[in-house]
Protein backbone atom coordinates (compact mmCIF):
# COMPACT_ATOMS: atom_id res chain seq x y z
CA MET A 1 50.89 94.75 31.22
CA GLY A 2 51.33 91.51 33.13
CA TYR A 3 49.85 89.91 36.19
CA PRO A 4 51.34 87.17 38.35
CA ALA A 5 50.03 83.81 37.10
CA LEU A 6 51.17 80.84 39.18
CA THR A 7 50.57 77.92 36.84
CA ASP A 8 50.61 76.90 33.21
CA LYS A 9 48.33 73.92 33.76
CA PRO A 10 45.50 73.61 31.21
CA GLY A 11 42.00 74.87 31.92
CA ALA A 12 38.81 72.83 31.94
CA ILE A 13 38.11 72.97 28.20
CA ALA A 14 41.75 72.27 27.35
CA THR A 15 41.75 69.26 29.69
CA ALA A 16 38.52 67.93 28.17
CA THR A 17 39.98 68.42 24.68
CA ALA A 18 43.14 66.51 25.61
CA ILE A 19 41.00 63.64 26.93
CA ARG A 20 38.84 63.65 23.82
CA ASN A 21 41.97 63.56 21.62
CA GLY A 22 43.39 60.61 23.53
CA GLU A 23 46.33 62.57 24.97
CA MET A 24 45.32 61.47 28.47
CA SER A 25 42.57 59.41 30.05
CA PRO A 26 40.13 60.66 32.69
CA TYR A 27 41.97 58.45 35.18
CA GLU A 28 45.31 60.05 34.32
CA ALA A 29 43.80 63.55 34.53
CA VAL A 30 42.31 62.86 37.95
CA GLU A 31 45.44 61.13 39.23
CA ALA A 32 47.57 64.11 38.16
CA ALA A 33 45.20 66.60 39.85
CA ILE A 34 45.26 64.61 43.08
CA ALA A 35 49.06 64.62 42.96
CA ARG A 36 49.06 68.40 42.54
CA ILE A 37 46.73 68.83 45.51
CA GLU A 38 48.86 66.57 47.68
CA ARG A 39 51.99 68.48 46.67
CA LEU A 40 50.70 72.05 46.90
CA ASP A 41 47.99 72.02 49.53
CA ALA A 42 50.24 71.48 52.53
CA HIS A 43 51.17 75.17 52.20
CA ILE A 44 47.80 76.53 51.00
CA ASN A 45 45.09 74.42 52.69
CA ALA A 46 42.46 75.00 50.02
CA VAL A 47 40.93 71.53 49.44
CA VAL A 48 39.78 70.73 52.95
CA VAL A 49 37.43 67.81 52.21
CA THR A 50 38.93 65.21 49.88
CA ASP A 51 37.04 62.52 48.02
CA PHE A 52 39.94 60.96 46.14
CA ASP A 53 38.87 57.33 46.29
CA ARG A 54 35.46 57.98 44.76
CA ALA A 55 37.00 60.38 42.24
CA LEU A 56 39.45 57.73 41.07
CA GLU A 57 36.66 55.17 40.89
CA ARG A 58 34.54 57.50 38.76
CA ALA A 59 37.53 58.36 36.58
CA ARG A 60 38.25 54.67 36.04
CA THR A 61 34.62 54.12 34.99
CA LEU A 62 34.79 57.05 32.56
CA THR A 63 38.06 55.72 31.16
CA ASP A 64 36.54 52.27 30.62
CA THR A 65 33.32 53.56 29.02
CA GLY A 66 35.07 56.00 26.70
CA PHE A 67 34.50 59.59 25.65
CA ALA A 68 30.92 60.91 25.72
CA ALA A 69 30.27 63.69 23.20
CA ASP A 70 27.33 65.02 25.22
CA GLN A 71 29.56 65.67 28.26
CA PRO A 72 31.66 68.83 27.68
CA LEU A 73 33.56 68.28 30.96
CA PHE A 74 34.15 64.56 30.34
CA GLY A 75 36.84 63.45 32.78
CA VAL A 76 37.75 66.96 33.97
CA PRO A 77 38.76 67.00 37.67
CA MET A 78 37.47 69.94 39.71
CA THR A 79 36.53 70.96 43.23
CA ILE A 80 33.43 72.60 44.70
CA LYS A 81 32.90 75.11 47.53
CA GLU A 82 32.35 73.44 50.90
CA SER A 83 28.90 74.98 51.30
CA PHE A 84 27.47 72.98 48.37
CA ASP A 85 26.11 69.55 49.28
CA VAL A 86 27.94 66.59 47.77
CA GLU A 87 26.30 63.27 48.60
CA GLY A 88 28.33 61.44 51.22
CA LEU A 89 30.53 64.41 52.18
CA PRO A 90 30.21 66.82 55.12
CA THR A 91 28.67 70.26 54.71
CA CYS A 92 29.42 72.35 57.78
CA TRP A 93 29.87 75.96 56.57
CA GLY A 94 32.87 76.24 58.90
CA HIS A 95 31.07 75.20 62.12
CA GLN A 96 32.40 72.50 64.42
CA ALA A 97 28.84 71.75 65.55
CA TYR A 98 27.99 70.60 62.01
CA ALA A 99 31.24 68.83 61.14
CA ASP A 100 29.40 65.49 61.01
CA ASN A 101 26.54 66.79 58.86
CA ILE A 102 26.77 64.41 55.89
CA ALA A 103 24.85 65.39 52.76
CA LYS A 104 22.31 62.85 51.53
CA ALA A 105 22.17 64.19 47.97
CA ASP A 106 24.10 66.39 45.58
CA ALA A 107 23.29 70.07 45.21
CA ARG A 108 21.71 70.92 41.87
CA VAL A 109 24.91 72.58 40.60
CA VAL A 110 26.93 69.49 41.58
CA SER A 111 24.46 67.23 39.73
CA LEU A 112 24.70 69.40 36.62
CA LEU A 113 28.50 69.41 36.68
CA LYS A 114 28.66 65.66 37.19
CA GLY A 115 26.14 65.21 34.40
CA ALA A 116 28.49 67.18 32.15
CA GLY A 117 31.26 64.69 32.94
CA ALA A 118 33.17 66.50 35.69
CA VAL A 119 34.87 64.53 38.45
CA ILE A 120 34.57 66.15 41.89
CA LEU A 121 37.81 65.69 43.86
CA GLY A 122 36.65 67.37 47.05
CA LYS A 123 35.46 70.59 48.64
CA THR A 124 37.24 73.91 49.21
CA ASN A 125 37.51 76.04 52.32
CA VAL A 126 35.16 78.80 53.54
CA PRO A 127 34.76 81.10 56.57
CA PRO A 128 32.00 80.38 59.11
CA ASP A 129 28.59 81.19 57.62
CA LEU A 130 30.39 82.32 54.43
CA ALA A 131 30.70 85.73 56.07
CA ASP A 132 34.28 86.97 55.70
CA TRP A 133 36.90 87.90 53.11
CA GLN A 134 39.12 85.31 54.75
CA SER A 135 38.67 81.54 54.49
CA ARG A 136 39.38 80.17 57.94
CA ASN A 137 37.24 78.27 60.42
CA PRO A 138 37.59 76.05 63.52
CA VAL A 139 37.02 72.86 61.52
CA TYR A 140 39.50 73.18 58.66
CA GLY A 141 41.82 76.00 59.64
CA ARG A 142 43.09 78.81 57.45
CA THR A 143 43.59 78.95 53.69
CA ASN A 144 46.58 80.98 52.47
CA ASN A 145 46.79 83.10 49.37
CA PRO A 146 48.94 81.12 46.90
CA HIS A 147 50.83 84.32 45.98
CA TYR A 148 51.69 85.31 49.58
CA ALA A 149 51.11 82.88 52.44
CA GLY A 150 50.62 85.72 54.92
CA ARG A 151 47.62 87.09 53.04
CA SER A 152 44.05 85.97 52.50
CA PRO A 153 42.86 84.34 49.27
CA GLY A 154 39.56 86.09 49.87
CA GLY A 155 36.24 84.75 50.98
CA SER A 156 33.93 83.22 51.13
CA SER A 157 35.01 81.19 48.07
CA GLY A 158 38.66 81.63 49.05
CA GLY A 159 39.57 77.95 49.04
CA ALA A 160 38.10 77.69 45.55
CA ALA A 161 40.14 80.60 44.20
CA ALA A 162 43.34 79.36 45.84
CA ALA A 163 42.90 75.87 44.37
CA VAL A 164 42.33 77.27 40.87
CA ALA A 165 45.06 79.93 41.02
CA SER A 166 47.71 77.49 42.22
CA GLY A 167 46.90 74.97 39.47
CA MET A 168 45.48 72.23 41.68
CA VAL A 169 42.31 72.20 39.56
CA ALA A 170 41.13 73.99 36.45
CA CYS A 171 37.90 75.31 37.95
CA ASP A 172 35.62 75.45 40.96
CA PHE A 173 32.12 76.72 41.71
CA GLY A 174 31.44 79.26 44.44
CA THR A 175 28.72 81.57 45.68
CA ASP A 176 28.56 85.34 46.06
CA ILE A 177 26.46 87.72 48.11
CA GLY A 178 29.18 90.09 49.35
CA GLY A 179 31.81 89.59 46.66
CA SER A 180 32.44 85.95 47.59
CA VAL A 181 33.33 84.91 44.01
CA ARG A 182 34.64 88.26 42.78
CA VAL A 183 36.92 89.15 45.68
CA PRO A 184 38.73 85.76 45.77
CA ALA A 185 39.23 86.02 41.98
CA HIS A 186 40.62 89.54 42.50
CA PHE A 187 42.85 88.52 45.43
CA CYS A 188 44.20 85.42 43.65
CA GLY A 189 44.60 86.69 40.08
CA ILE A 190 42.03 84.48 38.33
CA TRP A 191 38.65 84.82 36.60
CA GLY A 192 35.31 84.69 38.36
CA HIS A 193 31.70 85.31 37.40
CA LYS A 194 28.91 86.61 39.62
CA SER A 195 25.81 85.47 37.77
CA SER A 196 22.57 87.38 37.44
CA TRP A 197 20.43 86.67 40.48
CA GLY A 198 18.27 83.64 39.79
CA LEU A 199 20.32 82.34 36.85
CA VAL A 200 22.10 79.41 38.55
CA PRO A 201 20.08 77.21 40.92
CA LEU A 202 21.05 77.17 44.59
CA GLN A 203 19.16 74.04 45.62
CA GLY A 204 21.39 72.02 47.93
CA HIS A 205 23.25 75.12 49.08
CA VAL A 206 21.69 75.71 52.49
CA HIS A 207 23.07 76.37 55.95
CA PRO A 208 23.44 73.06 57.85
CA GLN A 209 21.07 74.45 60.46
CA LEU A 210 18.42 74.01 57.74
CA ALA A 211 19.67 70.62 56.54
CA GLY A 212 16.90 68.51 55.05
CA ARG A 213 14.69 71.49 54.27
CA ASP A 214 13.93 72.80 50.79
CA ALA A 215 15.02 76.29 51.75
CA HIS A 216 14.34 79.29 49.53
CA ASP A 217 17.32 80.54 47.53
CA GLY A 218 17.06 83.86 49.34
CA ALA A 219 17.69 87.41 48.20
CA LEU A 220 20.95 88.68 46.69
CA GLY A 221 22.95 85.43 46.82
CA ILE A 222 24.07 83.68 43.64
CA ALA A 223 26.24 80.76 42.49
CA GLY A 224 29.04 81.35 40.01
CA PRO A 225 32.22 79.75 38.63
CA LEU A 226 35.92 80.44 39.12
CA ALA A 227 38.45 79.52 36.44
CA ARG A 228 41.65 80.69 34.76
CA ASN A 229 40.10 81.89 31.51
CA ALA A 230 36.91 83.30 30.07
CA ALA A 231 36.02 80.30 27.89
CA ASP A 232 35.83 78.05 30.95
CA LEU A 233 33.60 80.57 32.76
CA ARG A 234 31.29 80.67 29.75
CA LEU A 235 31.01 76.89 29.59
CA LEU A 236 30.38 76.56 33.33
CA VAL A 237 27.62 79.18 33.18
CA GLU A 238 26.02 77.51 30.16
CA LEU A 239 26.07 74.12 31.89
CA THR A 240 24.42 75.36 35.08
CA ARG A 241 22.03 78.12 33.98
CA SER A 242 18.32 77.69 34.64
CA VAL A 243 17.05 80.20 32.06
CA PRO A 244 18.10 80.73 28.43
CA LEU A 245 20.90 83.20 27.72
CA GLN A 246 21.86 84.88 24.50
CA ALA A 247 24.99 86.90 23.80
CA SER A 248 24.60 90.13 21.85
CA GLY A 249 27.73 89.44 19.80
CA LYS A 250 28.56 93.17 19.85
CA PRO A 251 32.32 93.72 19.40
CA LEU A 252 34.04 95.47 22.28
CA LYS A 253 35.28 98.24 19.96
CA ASP A 254 31.66 99.19 19.29
CA CYS A 255 30.76 99.33 22.98
CA ARG A 256 30.59 102.24 25.41
CA ALA A 257 31.83 101.73 28.95
CA LEU A 258 31.64 103.69 32.18
CA LEU A 259 34.63 103.49 34.53
CA LEU A 260 33.86 103.92 38.24
CA LEU A 261 36.89 104.16 40.53
CA ASP A 262 35.50 106.29 43.36
CA HIS A 263 32.76 105.30 45.76
CA PRO A 264 31.39 107.68 48.41
CA SER A 265 31.21 104.90 51.00
CA CYS A 266 34.90 103.92 50.92
CA PRO A 267 38.10 105.17 49.29
CA THR A 268 39.91 103.03 46.72
CA ASP A 269 43.49 102.12 47.58
CA ALA A 270 46.17 103.32 45.18
CA ALA A 271 47.33 99.71 44.77
CA VAL A 272 43.95 98.94 43.18
CA ARG A 273 43.41 102.23 41.39
CA ALA A 274 46.73 102.21 39.50
CA PRO A 275 46.38 98.85 37.68
CA ILE A 276 42.76 99.57 36.73
CA GLU A 277 43.59 103.07 35.46
CA ALA A 278 46.47 101.60 33.45
CA ALA A 279 44.13 98.95 32.02
CA ALA A 280 41.54 101.59 31.12
CA ALA A 281 44.17 103.68 29.33
CA GLU A 282 45.25 100.62 27.32
CA LEU A 283 41.62 99.91 26.41
CA GLU A 284 41.13 103.48 25.24
CA ARG A 285 44.22 103.21 23.07
CA ALA A 286 42.62 100.10 21.55
CA GLY A 287 39.50 102.12 20.70
CA LEU A 288 37.06 101.45 23.56
CA ALA A 289 35.00 104.51 24.47
CA ILE A 290 35.19 104.98 28.25
CA ASP A 291 33.44 107.68 30.27
CA ARG A 292 34.49 108.41 33.82
CA ALA A 293 31.30 110.01 35.11
CA SER A 294 27.61 109.95 34.31
CA GLU A 295 24.48 111.54 35.74
CA LEU A 296 22.80 108.17 35.23
CA VAL A 297 24.74 106.58 38.10
CA PRO A 298 22.39 106.08 41.08
CA ASP A 299 23.18 107.58 44.48
CA LEU A 300 25.88 105.09 45.44
CA ALA A 301 25.98 106.02 49.13
CA THR A 302 22.25 105.37 49.45
CA GLU A 303 22.55 102.17 47.44
CA HIS A 304 25.34 100.90 49.69
CA ALA A 305 23.33 101.64 52.84
CA GLU A 306 20.28 99.84 51.48
CA TYR A 307 22.42 96.94 50.25
CA MET A 308 24.00 96.49 53.69
CA ARG A 309 20.60 96.60 55.35
CA MET A 310 19.18 93.99 52.97
CA LEU A 311 22.36 91.88 53.14
CA ASN A 312 22.27 91.67 56.92
CA VAL A 313 18.60 90.67 56.96
CA ALA A 314 19.13 88.09 54.19
CA MET A 315 22.20 86.57 55.85
CA ALA A 316 20.39 86.32 59.20
CA ARG A 317 17.17 85.06 57.56
CA GLY A 318 15.23 87.72 59.45
CA MET A 319 16.62 86.96 62.90
CA PRO A 320 17.27 89.97 65.17
CA GLY A 321 20.16 92.17 64.08
CA PRO A 322 22.95 93.60 66.24
CA GLY A 323 20.52 96.12 67.71
CA GLY A 324 18.12 93.36 68.73
CA LYS A 325 15.41 94.38 66.23
CA ARG A 326 13.84 91.79 63.97
CA ALA A 327 12.89 92.89 60.47
CA SER A 328 9.15 92.74 59.91
CA ALA A 329 7.43 91.60 56.72
CA SER A 330 6.62 95.24 56.08
CA ASP A 331 10.32 96.12 56.45
CA TRP A 332 11.24 93.41 53.96
CA PHE A 333 8.71 94.56 51.36
CA ASP A 334 10.05 98.09 51.73
CA MET A 335 13.54 96.75 51.04
CA LEU A 336 12.31 94.91 47.96
CA ASP A 337 10.67 98.10 46.68
CA LEU A 338 13.93 100.04 47.10
CA GLN A 339 15.83 97.24 45.38
CA ALA A 340 13.40 97.38 42.44
CA ARG A 341 14.01 101.13 42.23
CA SER A 342 17.74 100.39 42.03
CA GLU A 343 17.21 97.79 39.31
CA ASN A 344 15.26 100.32 37.26
CA ALA A 345 17.93 102.99 37.70
CA TRP A 346 20.68 100.65 36.49
CA ALA A 347 18.50 99.55 33.57
CA ARG A 348 18.32 103.20 32.48
CA LEU A 349 22.10 103.44 32.72
CA PHE A 350 22.58 100.30 30.64
CA ALA A 351 20.35 101.73 27.94
CA VAL A 352 23.27 104.12 27.33
CA TYR A 353 26.31 102.10 28.42
CA ASP A 354 27.16 98.52 27.51
CA PHE A 355 29.35 97.94 30.56
CA VAL A 356 30.46 99.41 33.87
CA LEU A 357 34.09 98.81 34.81
CA ALA A 358 34.94 98.92 38.51
CA PRO A 359 37.18 97.45 41.22
CA PRO A 360 35.98 94.19 42.81
CA ALA A 361 37.18 95.55 46.17
CA PRO A 362 38.92 98.72 47.37
CA VAL A 363 42.03 96.77 48.46
CA LEU A 364 44.29 93.97 47.26
CA ALA A 365 44.64 90.72 49.23
CA VAL A 366 44.44 91.59 52.92
CA GLU A 367 46.80 90.27 55.54
CA HIS A 368 45.59 87.43 57.73
CA SER A 369 43.78 88.51 60.89
CA GLU A 370 42.08 86.72 63.75
CA GLY A 371 38.83 88.62 63.46
CA ARG A 372 36.57 89.09 60.45
CA VAL A 373 37.70 91.68 57.91
CA PHE A 374 34.32 93.40 58.23
CA ASP A 375 34.55 93.76 62.02
CA GLY A 376 37.81 95.70 62.20
CA PRO A 377 39.47 98.57 60.40
CA VAL A 378 40.97 98.04 56.95
CA MET A 379 43.96 100.16 55.97
CA ILE A 380 43.37 102.06 52.73
CA ASN A 381 45.99 104.54 51.54
CA GLY A 382 47.50 104.44 55.03
CA THR A 383 44.26 105.35 56.80
CA PRO A 384 41.96 102.95 58.72
CA GLN A 385 38.50 102.54 57.22
CA PRO A 386 35.50 100.65 58.66
CA GLY A 387 35.65 97.04 57.47
CA GLY A 388 32.01 96.98 56.43
CA SER A 389 32.54 99.89 54.06
CA THR A 390 34.82 97.71 51.90
CA LEU A 391 31.74 95.85 50.65
CA CYS A 392 30.73 98.87 48.57
CA TRP A 393 32.12 97.54 45.29
CA ALA A 394 30.61 94.10 45.88
CA GLY A 395 27.20 95.69 46.38
CA LEU A 396 27.48 97.62 43.14
CA ALA A 397 26.36 94.53 41.18
CA THR A 398 24.79 92.47 43.96
CA TYR A 399 22.11 94.91 45.10
CA PRO A 400 20.52 95.42 41.63
CA ASN A 401 20.91 91.69 40.76
CA LEU A 402 23.40 92.31 37.94
CA PRO A 403 26.01 89.98 36.41
CA SER A 404 29.70 90.77 36.83
CA THR A 405 32.81 89.10 35.47
CA VAL A 406 36.15 89.65 37.20
CA LEU A 407 39.36 89.30 35.22
CA PRO A 408 42.97 89.97 36.32
CA VAL A 409 44.25 93.24 34.86
CA GLY A 410 47.56 93.85 36.63
CA GLU A 411 49.44 93.77 39.89
CA THR A 412 50.96 95.95 42.58
CA GLY A 413 53.98 94.65 44.45
CA GLY A 414 53.37 91.13 43.18
CA LEU A 415 49.76 91.03 44.36
CA PRO A 416 47.12 90.52 41.64
CA CYS A 417 44.49 93.13 40.86
CA GLY A 418 41.21 92.36 39.14
CA MET A 419 38.49 94.43 37.52
CA GLN A 420 34.72 93.94 37.37
CA VAL A 421 32.89 94.04 34.05
CA ILE A 422 29.22 94.63 34.90
CA SER A 423 26.20 94.80 32.59
CA ARG A 424 22.41 94.57 32.56
CA ARG A 425 20.63 91.61 34.15
CA TRP A 426 20.80 88.40 32.10
CA ALA A 427 23.72 89.78 30.05
CA ASP A 428 26.04 87.24 31.65
CA LEU A 429 27.50 86.02 28.38
CA ASP A 430 28.13 89.60 27.27
CA CYS A 431 30.04 90.30 30.50
CA ILE A 432 32.20 87.23 29.96
CA ALA A 433 32.77 88.06 26.28
CA ALA A 434 33.74 91.64 27.09
CA ALA A 435 36.10 90.48 29.83
CA GLU A 436 37.63 88.02 27.36
CA SER A 437 38.22 90.80 24.82
CA ILE A 438 39.66 93.05 27.52
CA GLY A 439 41.99 90.27 28.61
CA THR A 440 43.18 89.80 25.02
CA ILE A 441 43.92 93.52 24.68
CA LEU A 442 45.77 93.68 27.99
CA HIS A 443 47.64 90.40 27.96
CA GLY A 444 47.63 89.18 24.37
């Protein structure tokens, strides 16, 4: 059961190990990554803000000072989503009006990654306001899916996923509120982790309209890594987490999983359903107990409606919605109460099940379009569906603040297909470990 990988370049840990063993220097690693970007990115347009001179200068310093045992990413070149502040680089969130907004300090995640020895080569493309499953904007243009140039790499961390999938860099860090880490991982055939809400700090990840303000992290949104293997995801989460995490260590064969392939808010395309069903069958043959229905599952249609309501208010920071109505404080507290009810319902489910397996999105990589995916119809099984309904699988983990790891499980017509592995809040390391075991069963 294969999936279309595009590169055999080493991951982050493998690169750090090669540097530690003297097989290459940080300078050589960074120089090689820059060469890959310059060779590949003319056709993909993923790394839209480059910082090569400073990266080479930092790599030269690391080479001269020698390996640091307390820096697990010592000398590893990587990129970061455009919406994170990097001191001295623009942060515009895809808006021409903010193209000259130069960050005065690094975002907290950037500081943590640099502190671990990583070398930031530049920033990867996003849609305006991080609000589309495409990554195109008036400032930097359109990013192409590295598998098929006529399709989207996803959004809003689409540039990140395209850079990782094509082998330009070993890893990147994105954000996710509507599938913005998970969907690009799914569309591009790589690994991504949506962290538990509140686990990874979002300081220095604010809309440029709020530049200079210590804005609140906000509801629903999280930061999470993209990579080409589970071990790199685990390390990146460990390096950036703000609260302690502990893995259960429970073997996958002793776990009980619930497979969800149908959502009342949107059908699942056969191109997504088939690879996930095939993966589930392979997992069952390997001994994993998988149920396909449970009375413990909350009312998913209601959950999706409440998620979309909360998402729209959170994204607009309370400004008037399409109908002209501004959410009141009372409205917001009502939303928080309903979200808490959802969290409790999922906690009851995870008292019985270790993991929920589900699609990251109801479709594979969508074709490029001029408008937002969410504003037009999306073809699913040959029938147009409302674009906003496609967010149903993203909301499955986002609304109740749960962690979710996406791994590639197969393909349809050469397009990758991923699967979400979701668990209880703060079980991030368990999600990654389970995804790693699943990947070993499926791909060896």
